[in-house]
Structures are given as C-alpha cells and as structure tokens.
Protein backbone atom coordinates (compact mmCIF):
# COMPACT_ATOMS: atom_id res chain seq x y z
CA MET A 1 89.35 123.26 213.69
CA ASN A 2 91.16 120.41 215.27
CA LYS A 3 94.02 120.34 217.05
CA LEU A 4 96.36 117.95 218.39
CA ARG A 5 99.21 118.22 220.85
CA SER A 6 102.74 116.01 220.25
CA GLY A 7 102.93 114.44 223.23
CA GLY A 8 104.16 111.17 221.35
CA LEU A 9 104.36 110.58 217.59
CA LYS A 10 101.47 109.73 215.86
CA THR A 11 101.39 108.36 212.58
CA GLY A 12 97.72 106.70 211.31
CA THR A 13 96.82 104.88 214.40
CA THR A 14 100.57 103.57 215.72
CA ALA A 15 102.06 105.97 218.16
CA LEU A 16 105.51 106.16 218.18
CA ARG A 17 107.64 106.75 221.30
CA PRO A 18 110.37 108.59 220.98
CA SER A 19 113.77 108.41 223.00
CA VAL A 20 114.48 111.49 223.42
CA PHE A 21 111.72 114.15 223.12
CA ALA A 22 110.51 113.56 226.76
CA ALA A 23 111.85 116.96 227.07
CA VAL A 24 108.94 118.36 225.78
CA VAL A 25 106.60 116.79 228.48
CA GLY A 26 107.36 117.44 230.71
CA ILE A 27 110.66 116.11 232.38
CA ALA A 28 112.96 118.52 230.39
CA GLY A 29 114.85 119.21 233.55
CA VAL A 30 116.34 115.67 233.55
CA LEU A 31 117.67 116.20 229.80
CA PHE A 32 119.26 119.17 230.74
CA SER A 33 120.75 118.57 233.50
CA ALA A 34 123.71 116.63 231.31
CA THR A 35 124.59 119.99 229.74
CA PRO A 36 127.23 122.21 231.14
CA ALA A 37 126.35 124.65 233.89
CA ALA A 38 127.68 127.82 232.14
CA ALA A 39 125.41 126.86 229.30
CA GLN A 40 122.10 126.84 231.81
CA GLY A 41 123.59 129.08 234.32
CA SER A 42 123.26 126.30 236.83
CA ALA A 43 122.84 122.64 236.51
CA SER A 44 120.92 122.27 239.47
CA THR A 45 118.77 124.90 238.65
CA ALA A 46 117.76 123.46 235.46
CA ALA A 47 117.26 119.88 237.16
CA SER A 48 115.01 121.15 240.06
CA ALA A 49 112.40 122.60 237.22
CA PRO A 50 111.30 121.86 233.70
CA ALA A 51 112.32 124.07 231.20
CA LYS A 52 109.87 126.43 229.34
CA PRO A 53 109.60 124.87 226.28
CA VAL A 54 109.63 126.83 222.59
CA LYS A 55 106.53 126.45 221.52
CA VAL A 56 105.94 125.31 217.52
CA ALA A 57 102.68 125.15 216.08
CA LEU A 58 102.29 122.82 212.91
CA ILE A 59 98.87 124.09 210.91
CA GLU A 60 98.45 121.57 208.19
CA SER A 61 96.14 118.89 206.77
CA LEU A 62 96.02 116.36 208.69
CA SER A 63 92.43 114.70 207.64
CA GLY A 64 90.58 115.03 204.15
CA ALA A 65 92.44 114.25 200.53
CA PHE A 66 96.12 115.76 201.63
CA ALA A 67 96.25 113.89 204.96
CA ASN A 68 99.22 111.57 203.91
CA THR A 69 101.07 115.29 203.20
CA GLY A 70 100.52 116.63 206.46
CA GLU A 71 101.63 113.30 208.35
CA ALA A 72 104.88 113.31 206.18
CA VAL A 73 105.34 117.23 207.05
CA TYR A 74 105.10 116.32 210.78
CA ARG A 75 107.12 113.35 210.34
CA ASN A 76 110.30 115.37 209.16
CA VAL A 77 109.77 118.02 211.33
CA TYR A 78 109.31 115.90 214.71
CA TRP A 79 112.34 114.51 213.58
CA ALA A 80 114.44 117.99 213.25
CA MET A 81 113.38 118.39 216.64
CA GLU A 82 114.23 115.34 217.98
CA ARG A 83 117.75 116.01 216.98
CA VAL A 84 118.24 119.64 218.71
CA ASN A 85 116.28 118.50 221.94
CA ALA A 86 118.97 115.83 222.26
CA ARG A 87 121.87 118.13 222.13
CA GLY A 88 120.04 119.74 225.07
CA GLY A 89 117.73 121.88 222.85
CA VAL A 90 118.22 125.72 221.99
CA GLN A 91 120.53 126.99 224.30
CA LEU A 92 119.74 130.04 226.14
CA PRO A 93 121.16 132.22 228.37
CA ALA A 94 119.69 132.14 232.13
CA SER A 95 118.20 135.84 231.51
CA SER A 96 116.16 133.99 228.83
CA GLY A 97 114.93 131.00 230.36
CA GLY A 98 117.98 128.76 229.95
CA PRO A 99 118.53 125.93 227.88
CA ARG A 100 114.70 125.37 226.78
CA PRO A 101 113.23 122.05 224.57
CA LEU A 102 111.47 122.46 221.25
CA ALA A 103 108.22 121.72 221.43
CA LEU A 104 106.06 120.62 218.37
CA GLU A 105 101.96 120.76 218.14
CA ARG A 106 99.55 120.39 215.44
CA TYR A 107 96.45 121.84 214.42
CA ASP A 108 94.49 120.35 211.78
CA SER A 109 93.60 123.00 208.83
CA LYS A 110 91.68 120.57 206.98
CA GLY A 111 92.61 121.73 203.64
CA GLN A 112 90.65 125.29 204.45
CA ASN A 113 92.10 128.88 204.77
CA GLU A 114 89.33 129.98 207.57
CA GLU A 115 90.10 126.47 209.30
CA ALA A 116 93.97 127.15 208.85
CA LEU A 117 93.15 131.01 210.29
CA SER A 118 91.00 129.71 213.33
CA ALA A 119 94.52 127.34 213.73
CA LEU A 120 96.68 130.45 213.80
CA ARG A 121 94.45 132.06 216.28
CA ALA A 122 94.46 128.99 218.73
CA ALA A 123 98.28 128.36 218.41
CA ILE A 124 99.16 131.77 219.31
CA ASP A 125 96.53 132.02 222.50
CA ASP A 126 98.27 128.46 223.41
CA GLY A 127 101.56 130.35 223.58
CA ALA A 128 103.16 129.28 220.34
CA GLN A 129 105.75 131.58 218.97
CA VAL A 130 106.10 129.82 215.54
CA ILE A 131 104.02 129.06 212.72
CA LEU A 132 105.15 126.31 210.92
CA GLN A 133 103.06 125.66 206.74
CA GLY A 134 103.41 124.90 203.44
CA ASN A 135 101.43 122.26 201.89
CA SER A 136 99.40 124.94 200.08
CA SER A 137 100.49 128.58 198.40
CA ALA A 138 96.84 130.08 198.77
CA THR A 139 96.44 129.01 202.63
CA ALA A 140 100.53 130.01 203.33
CA ALA A 141 99.06 134.16 201.69
CA VAL A 142 96.44 134.15 203.71
CA LEU A 143 98.56 133.05 206.75
CA ILE A 144 101.45 136.05 205.74
CA GLU A 145 98.44 138.71 205.73
CA ALA A 146 96.75 137.11 209.47
CA ILE A 147 100.26 137.36 211.12
CA ASN A 148 101.26 140.68 209.45
CA LYS A 149 98.00 142.12 211.16
CA HIS A 150 98.77 140.24 214.25
CA ASN A 151 101.95 141.43 215.15
CA GLU A 152 101.11 145.01 214.75
CA ARG A 153 98.28 144.95 217.02
CA GLU A 154 100.21 142.48 219.30
CA PRO A 155 103.60 143.40 219.72
CA ASN A 156 103.81 141.53 222.84
CA LYS A 157 102.70 138.33 221.03
CA ARG A 158 104.90 138.55 218.02
CA VAL A 159 105.02 135.24 215.53
CA ILE A 160 107.47 134.35 213.16
CA PHE A 161 106.27 132.41 210.10
CA LEU A 162 108.69 129.34 208.31
CA ASN A 163 107.65 127.51 205.09
CA TYR A 164 108.56 124.52 204.07
CA SER A 165 106.63 123.96 200.91
CA ALA A 166 104.84 126.75 199.61
CA VAL A 167 106.29 127.58 196.38
CA ASP A 168 104.32 130.10 194.96
CA PRO A 169 106.93 132.84 193.45
CA ILE A 170 104.72 135.70 194.86
CA LEU A 171 105.02 135.31 198.71
CA THR A 172 108.25 136.39 198.55
CA ASN A 173 108.12 138.85 196.00
CA GLU A 174 104.89 140.75 196.12
CA LYS A 175 103.74 139.53 199.34
CA CYS A 176 106.85 139.06 200.62
CA SER A 177 106.79 139.82 204.85
CA PHE A 178 109.01 140.71 207.10
CA TRP A 179 107.92 137.77 209.30
CA HIS A 180 107.49 134.75 206.78
CA PHE A 181 110.98 132.42 205.50
CA ARG A 182 110.79 130.26 202.63
CA PHE A 183 112.95 127.08 202.94
CA ASP A 184 111.53 125.86 199.34
CA ALA A 185 112.43 126.01 196.50
CA HIS A 186 109.77 128.92 194.44
CA ALA A 187 108.10 127.74 191.41
CA ASP A 188 110.01 129.76 189.24
CA MET A 189 113.59 128.12 190.73
CA ARG A 190 111.80 124.56 190.13
CA MET A 191 110.71 125.13 186.60
CA ALA A 192 114.34 126.38 185.63
CA ALA A 193 116.21 123.10 187.32
CA LEU A 194 113.42 120.60 185.18
CA MET A 195 114.33 122.72 182.46
CA GLU A 196 117.99 122.28 182.30
CA VAL A 197 116.96 118.25 181.96
CA MET A 198 114.12 119.46 178.97
CA ARG A 199 116.70 121.39 177.45
CA GLU A 200 118.76 118.52 176.42
CA ASP A 201 116.33 116.45 175.63
CA LYS A 202 116.02 117.17 172.16
CA ALA A 203 113.11 114.27 170.45
CA LEU A 204 110.79 116.16 172.91
CA LYS A 205 108.47 118.37 170.65
CA SER A 206 104.78 118.78 172.50
CA VAL A 207 103.69 118.52 176.12
CA TYR A 208 100.55 118.67 177.59
CA LEU A 209 100.81 121.10 181.02
CA ILE A 210 97.61 120.43 183.88
CA GLY A 211 97.84 121.53 186.90
CA GLN A 212 95.78 122.32 190.51
CA ASP A 213 93.46 125.51 190.19
CA TYR A 214 94.85 127.57 192.72
CA SER A 215 97.69 130.40 193.03
CA PHE A 216 100.59 127.41 193.13
CA GLY A 217 99.31 125.08 189.67
CA GLN A 218 98.42 128.63 188.12
CA ALA A 219 102.17 129.91 188.97
CA VAL A 220 103.55 126.16 187.42
CA LEU A 221 101.72 126.35 184.14
CA ARG A 222 102.71 130.07 183.75
CA GLU A 223 106.18 129.23 183.97
CA ALA A 224 106.45 126.87 181.98
CA LYS A 225 104.94 128.42 179.58
CA LYS A 226 107.31 131.43 180.12
CA GLN A 227 110.57 129.10 180.26
CA LEU A 228 109.38 126.93 177.32
CA ALA A 229 109.10 129.86 174.83
CA ALA A 230 113.02 131.16 176.14
CA GLN A 231 114.54 128.02 176.08
CA ARG A 232 112.68 125.68 174.26
CA PRO A 233 110.50 127.58 171.37
CA ASP A 234 110.73 124.75 169.07
CA VAL A 235 108.56 122.37 171.74
CA ALA A 236 104.59 122.65 171.05
CA VAL A 237 102.23 123.47 173.71
CA VAL A 238 99.47 121.23 173.02
CA GLY A 239 97.34 121.00 176.21
CA ASP A 240 96.94 123.69 179.10
CA GLU A 241 94.63 122.52 181.53
CA LEU A 242 93.85 123.25 185.35
CA HIS A 243 91.57 121.31 187.71
CA PRO A 244 89.92 121.02 190.85
CA ILE A 245 92.10 120.81 193.75
CA GLY A 246 91.23 117.76 195.99
CA ARG A 247 88.49 117.72 194.65
CA VAL A 248 88.86 115.37 191.33
CA LYS A 249 88.51 111.47 192.37
CA ASP A 250 88.44 109.70 188.51
CA PHE A 251 91.36 111.50 186.28
CA ALA A 252 90.57 109.56 183.08
CA PRO A 253 88.84 112.10 181.00
CA TYR A 254 91.94 113.83 182.11
CA ALA A 255 94.14 111.38 181.45
CA VAL A 256 92.35 110.44 177.62
CA LYS A 257 92.95 114.07 176.74
CA ILE A 258 96.76 114.14 177.57
CA LYS A 259 96.94 110.91 175.30
CA THR A 260 94.41 112.31 172.17
CA SER A 261 96.83 115.61 171.85
CA GLY A 262 99.29 113.36 171.59
CA ALA A 263 101.80 115.09 174.28
CA GLN A 264 105.51 113.28 174.73
CA ALA A 265 105.41 114.84 177.49
CA VAL A 266 103.17 116.09 180.99
CA VAL A 267 104.37 119.37 182.89
CA THR A 268 102.87 119.12 186.38
CA GLY A 269 103.10 120.77 189.69
CA ASN A 270 100.59 118.12 191.17
CA TRP A 271 101.48 117.10 194.87
CA GLY A 272 99.40 114.21 196.70
CA ASN A 273 96.66 112.59 195.54
CA ASP A 274 96.48 114.61 192.94
CA LEU A 275 99.73 113.88 191.46
CA THR A 276 99.09 109.82 192.11
CA LEU A 277 95.66 109.77 190.70
CA LEU A 278 96.55 111.54 187.74
CA VAL A 279 99.67 109.39 186.84
CA LYS A 280 97.88 106.03 187.53
CA ALA A 281 95.16 107.17 185.12
CA ALA A 282 97.44 108.07 182.72
CA ARG A 283 99.02 104.61 183.16
CA GLU A 284 95.74 102.92 182.61
CA VAL A 285 95.09 104.54 179.58
CA GLY A 286 97.88 103.58 177.76
CA TYR A 287 99.99 107.04 177.96
CA GLU A 288 103.80 106.50 177.06
CA GLY A 289 104.80 109.99 177.90
CA SER A 290 107.04 111.58 179.99
CA PHE A 291 106.19 113.03 183.65
CA TYR A 292 108.22 116.44 184.37
CA THR A 293 107.08 117.01 187.78
CA PHE A 294 107.68 118.67 190.80
CA TYR A 295 106.46 116.00 193.78
CA GLY A 296 106.61 112.85 191.66
CA ASN A 297 109.00 111.27 193.71
CA ALA A 298 107.14 110.34 196.82
CA LEU A 299 103.03 110.04 198.36
CA GLY A 300 102.77 106.78 196.22
CA ALA A 301 103.66 108.32 192.74
CA PRO A 302 106.20 105.56 191.58
CA ALA A 303 103.75 102.91 192.56
CA ALA A 304 100.96 104.20 190.48
CA ILE A 305 103.04 104.70 187.44
CA GLY A 306 105.24 101.38 187.75
CA ASP A 307 107.53 100.16 184.83
CA ALA A 308 105.76 102.55 182.86
CA GLY A 309 107.97 105.51 184.81
CA ILE A 310 111.05 104.13 184.10
CA GLY A 311 113.12 106.94 182.80
CA LYS A 312 110.16 108.99 182.30
CA VAL A 313 109.42 110.54 185.43
CA VAL A 314 111.04 113.41 185.99
CA ALA A 315 111.68 114.80 189.92
CA VAL A 316 113.42 118.21 190.65
CA ALA A 317 113.63 118.25 194.95
CA ASP A 318 115.91 120.36 197.02
CA TRP A 319 117.41 116.46 198.15
CA LEU A 320 117.29 112.84 196.66
CA PRO A 321 118.24 109.55 198.85
CA ASN A 322 120.31 108.72 195.84
CA VAL A 323 122.34 111.98 196.37
CA PRO A 324 125.46 110.65 196.23
CA GLY A 325 127.86 110.32 198.67
CA ALA A 326 128.34 109.05 202.41
CA GLN A 327 127.28 111.65 204.88
CA SER A 328 123.98 111.88 202.56
CA GLU A 329 123.45 108.05 202.49
CA ALA A 330 123.60 108.20 206.37
CA PHE A 331 121.11 110.92 206.90
CA TYR A 332 119.01 108.76 204.78
CA GLN A 333 119.46 105.78 206.32
CA SER A 334 119.20 107.36 209.93
CA PHE A 335 115.91 108.45 209.05
CA ARG A 336 114.82 104.84 207.81
CA THR A 337 115.65 103.57 210.71
CA ARG A 338 114.13 106.43 212.85
CA PHE A 339 110.36 105.92 210.16
CA PRO A 340 110.88 102.19 209.17
CA LYS A 341 107.25 101.87 207.68
CA PRO A 342 107.75 101.98 204.21
CA GLN A 343 104.53 104.38 203.86
CA ASP A 344 106.52 106.79 206.31
CA ASP A 345 109.27 107.18 203.47
CA TYR A 346 109.52 110.61 202.83
CA VAL A 347 112.11 112.43 204.06
CA HIS A 348 112.73 116.22 203.02
CA MET A 349 116.52 118.05 203.81
CA ARG A 350 114.89 121.09 203.78
CA MET A 351 112.89 120.81 206.75
CA GLN A 352 115.97 119.30 208.38
CA LEU A 353 117.79 122.57 207.62
CA MET A 354 114.78 124.83 208.52
CA VAL A 355 115.03 123.09 212.17
CA GLU A 356 118.21 124.20 212.69
CA ALA A 357 117.81 127.80 211.43
CA LEU A 358 115.09 128.42 214.01
CA ALA A 359 117.75 126.92 216.75
CA GLN A 360 120.26 128.83 215.40
CA SER A 361 118.41 132.03 215.39
CA ILE A 362 117.31 131.77 218.79
CA GLU A 363 120.29 130.98 219.97
CA ARG A 364 122.00 133.67 218.08
CA ALA A 365 119.24 136.27 219.08
CA GLY A 366 119.77 135.19 222.70
CA SER A 367 116.07 135.30 222.94
CA THR A 368 113.19 134.45 221.71
CA ASP A 369 111.48 137.61 220.75
CA ALA A 370 110.08 137.66 217.74
CA VAL A 371 111.76 140.44 216.15
CA ALA A 372 115.26 139.62 217.31
CA VAL A 373 114.52 136.24 215.59
CA ALA A 374 113.71 137.30 212.71
CA ARG A 375 116.81 139.38 212.39
CA GLN A 376 119.00 136.26 212.95
CA MET A 377 117.15 134.61 210.81
CA GLU A 378 117.80 136.66 208.15
CA SER A 379 121.62 135.87 208.17
CA ALA A 380 120.95 132.51 208.98
CA ASN A 381 123.16 129.45 207.25
CA VAL A 382 123.00 125.94 207.95
CA GLN A 383 124.85 123.03 207.33
CA LEU A 384 123.62 119.04 207.84
CA SER A 385 125.06 115.91 206.71
CA GLY A 386 126.48 117.59 203.48
CA GLN A 387 123.55 119.53 202.42
CA GLY A 388 123.27 123.30 203.61
CA GLY A 389 121.66 126.58 202.48
CA SER A 390 121.46 130.22 203.45
CA MET A 391 118.23 132.92 203.77
CA ARG A 392 119.05 135.69 201.55
CA ALA A 393 117.71 138.28 204.00
CA ALA A 394 116.46 140.86 200.67
CA ASP A 395 113.46 138.70 200.29
CA HIS A 396 113.27 135.73 203.33
CA GLN A 397 114.26 132.93 199.97
CA PHE A 398 116.50 130.08 200.97
CA GLN A 399 119.08 129.72 198.73
CA GLN A 400 120.33 125.77 198.52
CA ALA A 401 121.20 123.14 195.88
CA LEU A 402 118.47 121.83 193.52
CA VAL A 403 118.82 117.89 192.05
CA VAL A 404 117.01 116.60 189.29
CA GLY A 405 116.38 112.75 189.23
CA VAL A 406 115.11 110.47 187.11
CA MET A 407 113.07 107.10 188.39
CA ASP A 408 114.61 103.88 187.87
CA LYS A 409 114.40 100.54 188.92
CA LYS A 410 116.20 100.09 192.38
CA GLY A 411 119.57 98.35 192.24
CA ALA A 412 120.14 100.35 189.05
CA PRO A 413 123.71 102.25 188.22
CA GLY A 414 122.52 105.41 191.00
CA VAL A 415 119.50 103.97 192.69
CA LYS A 416 120.81 102.54 195.89
CA PHE A 417 117.36 103.29 197.36
CA ASP A 418 113.75 102.98 196.51
CA VAL A 419 110.96 105.02 197.69
CA GLU A 420 108.05 103.93 199.96
CA GLY A 421 108.89 100.01 199.22
CA SER A 422 108.00 100.40 196.07
CA GLY A 423 111.16 99.17 193.86
CA TYR A 424 111.47 102.41 192.10
CA GLY A 425 114.18 105.02 193.39
CA PHE A 426 115.59 108.25 191.50
CA ARG A 427 119.07 108.10 189.90
CA VAL A 428 119.98 111.90 190.34
CA VAL A 429 120.92 112.98 186.88
CA ARG A 430 121.57 117.20 187.44
CA GLN A 431 122.73 118.87 190.34
CA ILE A 432 122.23 122.48 190.73
CA ALA A 433 124.40 124.70 193.32
CA ALA A 434 122.87 127.38 195.61
CA ALA A 435 124.23 129.96 193.06
CA LYS A 436 122.86 128.83 189.87
CA ALA A 437 119.75 128.04 191.32
CA GLN A 438 118.80 131.25 192.63
CA GLN A 439 116.27 133.48 190.62
CA PRO A 440 115.81 137.61 190.71
CA HIS A 441 113.27 138.75 193.37
CA SER A 442 110.86 141.92 193.39
CA CYS A 443 110.33 141.80 197.34
CA THR A 444 109.98 145.34 198.84
CA MET A 445 110.13 144.51 202.79
CA THR A 446 108.74 146.26 206.08
CA ARG A 447 111.83 145.56 208.12
CA PHE A 448 111.52 146.30 212.22
C-alpha cells in the first residue's frame, strides 16, 4: 500500500502550489488569524499555534490501469477543500479546537480490495476521521464492512465514509450503513435518466449490453434489461456480455461482436480505460451505432471516438460543463483556471457538494465526533453555483438533479465548452429534477 501525503497538489510529475492550502501544512494560524474572534475564541490564540487539521483520507487507485480516474478525484476534492480553507476552514467552537482546516491525504489502493483495506488501517492509524472512496463498488462494499467492524470495536476512533462514485445500488439498500453516505446517483437512477432519452429514440430497435465483470458492471446490465423490458419492450437485446475489469488491452474482439450483432446502440457502464479502449475499438472496426454511457463524457472517450460520436455518444451525469446558466459557467471556468492542462479537465459537481456537506455537517455538529457528524450529515442540504442537493436520511443516498448530454463539436449550439481539449463537448438534452431522479430503497439501518 502506497501512501502519499498531500502537502502540495501533484498531477503526474508536476507539482501545483496551491495559494490557500498552506493551512494544512503548518501555517493554519496565519490563515485563520483574519477570522472573527468570536468564531475562533481569540485571534491571538489562533495566531499563536497552528490549528489542528481535520484529516480526510482519500483511498483510491493512484497507480495502475485506473490511475487517471484516481487523480481526477484527487484534483476535485483538493479544489473543494481549498475553497473551504480559504474561508477559514470548518468553524468549530473553542472547546472543539476553534476553526480548523481540512487536510487531504492520499492512499494508493492500486485498484485492489486488500490494498484498500490496508490503506484504511493506515489512514485510521494516521488519525483520519473521514474516509473518501468511490471508483469501485466492490472496494466500497469491503470498506463499508470494515468500517462497520472498526467503529464497533473502537468507538473512540470512529470514522465516517463518504462515497462519491461507487454506484452499485446495493450499497444504500441491503448493505446500507449509518457510517456510509453516497453522493453519486446510483446505477438504477442513472439508468432511468438514460432511459428518458432512449424512450424517445423511436428508431432504436436493438442494443448490445456490455460491462465490467464486477458488482457495478453486473448491476448496470441487470438494470438495463429490467428498464428496457418495462419501457422499451420493442427493443431487442442482441448482446449481453461482461469482461474482466481493467485487464483488457485490446477490445477489438468485443467491437467486432458488437458490429456483427447488428446492434444499433451499445449500453455500458464502463469507465476509465475500459471505456476509452472500447469506444476506440468500435470506431476502428467501423461500428456506426450509438453509445449510451454512464461516463462517456471525459477521460479520453470523446477524443477516442472522434466525429463518429457526434449525435451518438450519450452520457448521464450529475452536472455537465454545458449546463445552462451563468453560475454553472463561472464554476466551470474557475476549475479550468485552477487546472488549465487539457488532461486535467474533468470536474465533478457532486464532489464539490460532498465536501460542502462535510463542512456543513461538522459545523452543525460542533465537533468532529463521527456520530455527531453522521447525524448532521443525514440532513445535509447544500448549494453551490446554482446546483445543489440533500441527503436522504433513510438510506444515506444524496438526492440531486441529473442531466443527460449528447456529444457534439465545440461551437455547435449548446456546446460552448469541449472536454480535455478534444474539440468535442456534450450538449444537454435532458435535465431531470432531483424529485424525479430519486428511486425507492430497501435500507434497514441501525442508527447510533
């Protein structure tokens, strides 16, 4: 297990020196000396000693096949924490240490569950109070189980788990936990959003289902078949296939099968290189159908498919850069100013809202005690740049609006921004309110 402390933001081999995040590396007193005395007990006290940071541990694939996805998460969470620390950190009473910065530390899971469990133990030993993870539902499941056991065994060192991308529905249903909070729409919610567009595509008569062979990929294909049967029984499923996650280097054989099947569209939950390589292979074998995706809007996928994807690659997200509105546009442009490299262009609104919810919950709790913070997180309600959402206490599933976009060339109507300098962006074709995006749950939770 490789652990990397986040004293400075690193992307690849380039260190980006943050302007305000120095609060977490030993000079918090300088940053907080400008905050009101009432909020920090006394300005002189805050200035005399650095504030003790609230340690947040990111457990993610930071090496290997999915390193780019882990680094994208890191940039997003780091940027969100910069925003909190720039306004003085989380505002706590003097009895709880006064205003405190959020400190992000990175732990490399290498895409392996055992490594993630080792990282969890190391993070807790290092004093982490909040655990972040998301880029694998299988990993999220083992972390939930491990955190449940740890919090029961060591009530004085309890932690909470914030999940930003692990979207297997089971995590807020059968495996729901008081300590776990999900900030991404789960697979069934995302599939229902995609179905809003598929339902209107009357020319669509056949689809090929393909996904990664683990809990999330299986859940996506299962829900796709269920929702197609209910809403588009006229559409034939001409392929239903799972492949090893993160191990396929040549998707040409899969692409040939897709083309040979005659499928007019592919439905996939693939992410990272498993998506990029799939769409690239499909283009190379001459497949001309559409792609209905969960994550087709970045990490190389648009550039890989090129002009062949115009009007044919569909992606669902909690937010897209071309969501209409001045606040949304300003939010995106501020991210691009902070991270100007094209390869760093992947911003997630939900991760920003997650960090805002964490700060809000700590402040409302008046402490960093895991039980107190979790109780406040159950009623978190946050807004940022015209977007927002709220936590559903019953299952700890964040409720937020969803959008569906279709790939087009930059400069086309509704496509002011492209992604990753590819020349292609996503035009928003459907906006789904949080009340409509929500799904029922089967969670029975033990509360503390």
